[in-house]
Amino acid sequence: MKELLIYYLPAINILAFLVYGIDKLKAKKSWWRISEKTLLLLAALGGSIGAWAGMRLWHHKTLHKKFRYGIPAIIIAQAAIAAYFVIGMQ
């Protein structure tokens, strides 16, 4: 399980980061957009740091309350879960 997380977490964060950037490009070009549900799901599946970094770098979704407050809330929840498992394993 630990080995899986070593590969999964960086991959999902890179994916989230890139998808936020792609959606920003699509917004600028008035192209078909990636749904907000998909963007939030990527964060919830472990890509919250990548999502937050994408929001900050590309200034994307920063005015939307569900992203402005939701992504940090997901980060805090994931950190709490991670801390629980780390402390619980000792």
Protein backbone atom coordinates (compact mmCIF):
# COMPACT_ATOMS: atom_id res chain seq x y z
CA MET A 1 0.00 0.00 0.00
CA LYS A 2 2.79 2.41 0.94
CA GLU A 3 4.55 1.79 -2.39
CA LEU A 4 1.33 2.48 -4.27
CA LEU A 5 0.95 5.86 -2.56
CA ILE A 6 4.53 6.78 -3.43
CA TYR A 7 3.57 6.62 -7.12
CA TYR A 8 -0.13 7.51 -6.92
CA LEU A 9 0.04 10.79 -5.01
CA PRO A 10 2.63 12.51 -7.22
CA ALA A 11 0.82 11.26 -10.34
CA ILE A 12 -2.64 12.48 -9.27
CA ASN A 13 -1.23 15.84 -8.19
CA ILE A 14 0.61 16.34 -11.49
CA LEU A 15 -2.57 15.34 -13.33
CA ALA A 16 -4.70 17.78 -11.31
CA PHE A 17 -2.17 20.56 -11.86
CA LEU A 18 -2.15 19.97 -15.62
CA VAL A 19 -5.93 19.65 -15.88
CA TYR A 20 -6.42 22.99 -14.12
CA GLY A 21 -3.98 24.56 -16.58
CA ILE A 22 -5.74 22.96 -19.54
CA ASP A 23 -9.11 24.20 -18.31
CA LYS A 24 -7.70 27.72 -17.96
CA LEU A 25 -6.46 27.57 -21.56
CA LYS A 26 -9.86 26.32 -22.69
CA ALA A 27 -11.52 29.19 -20.82
CA LYS A 28 -9.32 31.76 -22.56
CA LYS A 29 -10.00 30.22 -25.99
CA SER A 30 -13.75 29.81 -25.34
CA TRP A 31 -13.43 26.07 -25.97
CA TRP A 32 -15.39 23.23 -24.40
CA ARG A 33 -14.53 23.21 -20.68
CA ILE A 34 -13.67 20.60 -18.11
CA SER A 35 -16.51 20.33 -15.60
CA GLU A 36 -16.15 21.76 -12.11
CA LYS A 37 -17.19 18.34 -10.82
CA THR A 38 -14.16 16.77 -12.52
CA LEU A 39 -11.81 19.47 -11.19
CA LEU A 40 -13.06 18.97 -7.62
CA LEU A 41 -13.00 15.19 -7.98
CA LEU A 42 -9.32 15.26 -8.94
CA ALA A 43 -8.61 17.22 -5.76
CA ALA A 44 -10.69 14.86 -3.63
CA LEU A 45 -8.94 11.80 -5.07
CA GLY A 46 -5.63 13.02 -3.69
CA GLY A 47 -4.69 15.79 -6.11
CA SER A 48 -5.54 18.68 -3.82
CA ILE A 49 -2.01 20.10 -3.70
CA GLY A 50 -1.77 19.98 -7.50
CA ALA A 51 -5.21 21.57 -7.81
CA TRP A 52 -4.25 24.34 -5.39
CA ALA A 53 -0.96 24.94 -7.22
CA GLY A 54 -2.81 25.08 -10.56
CA MET A 55 -5.31 27.56 -9.17
CA ARG A 56 -2.50 29.78 -7.91
CA LEU A 57 -0.19 29.56 -10.92
CA TRP A 58 -2.86 30.08 -13.56
CA HIS A 59 -5.22 32.22 -11.44
CA HIS A 60 -7.95 29.74 -12.28
CA LYS A 61 -11.16 29.32 -10.28
CA THR A 62 -9.81 31.56 -7.54
CA LEU A 63 -13.00 33.65 -7.36
CA HIS A 64 -15.32 30.64 -7.13
CA LYS A 65 -16.18 30.01 -3.47
CA LYS A 66 -16.40 26.26 -3.88
CA PHE A 67 -12.80 26.27 -5.11
CA ARG A 68 -11.43 29.11 -2.96
CA TYR A 69 -12.62 27.41 0.22
CA GLY A 70 -13.20 23.86 -0.99
CA ILE A 71 -9.68 23.04 -2.16
CA PRO A 72 -8.04 24.22 1.10
CA ALA A 73 -10.70 22.28 3.04
CA ILE A 74 -9.85 19.14 1.05
CA ILE A 75 -6.13 19.70 1.74
CA ILE A 76 -6.81 20.01 5.48
CA ALA A 77 -9.02 16.91 5.49
CA GLN A 78 -6.43 14.89 3.57
CA ALA A 79 -3.66 16.07 5.91
CA ALA A 80 -5.76 15.05 8.92
CA ILE A 81 -6.40 11.62 7.41
CA ALA A 82 -2.71 11.19 6.60
CA ALA A 83 -1.74 12.24 10.15
CA TYR A 84 -4.25 9.77 11.60
CA PHE A 85 -2.72 6.91 9.63
CA VAL A 86 0.87 7.93 10.36
CA ILE A 87 0.20 8.29 14.09
CA GLY A 88 -1.93 5.15 14.13
CA MET A 89 0.84 3.06 12.54
CA GLN A 90 3.31 3.83 15.34
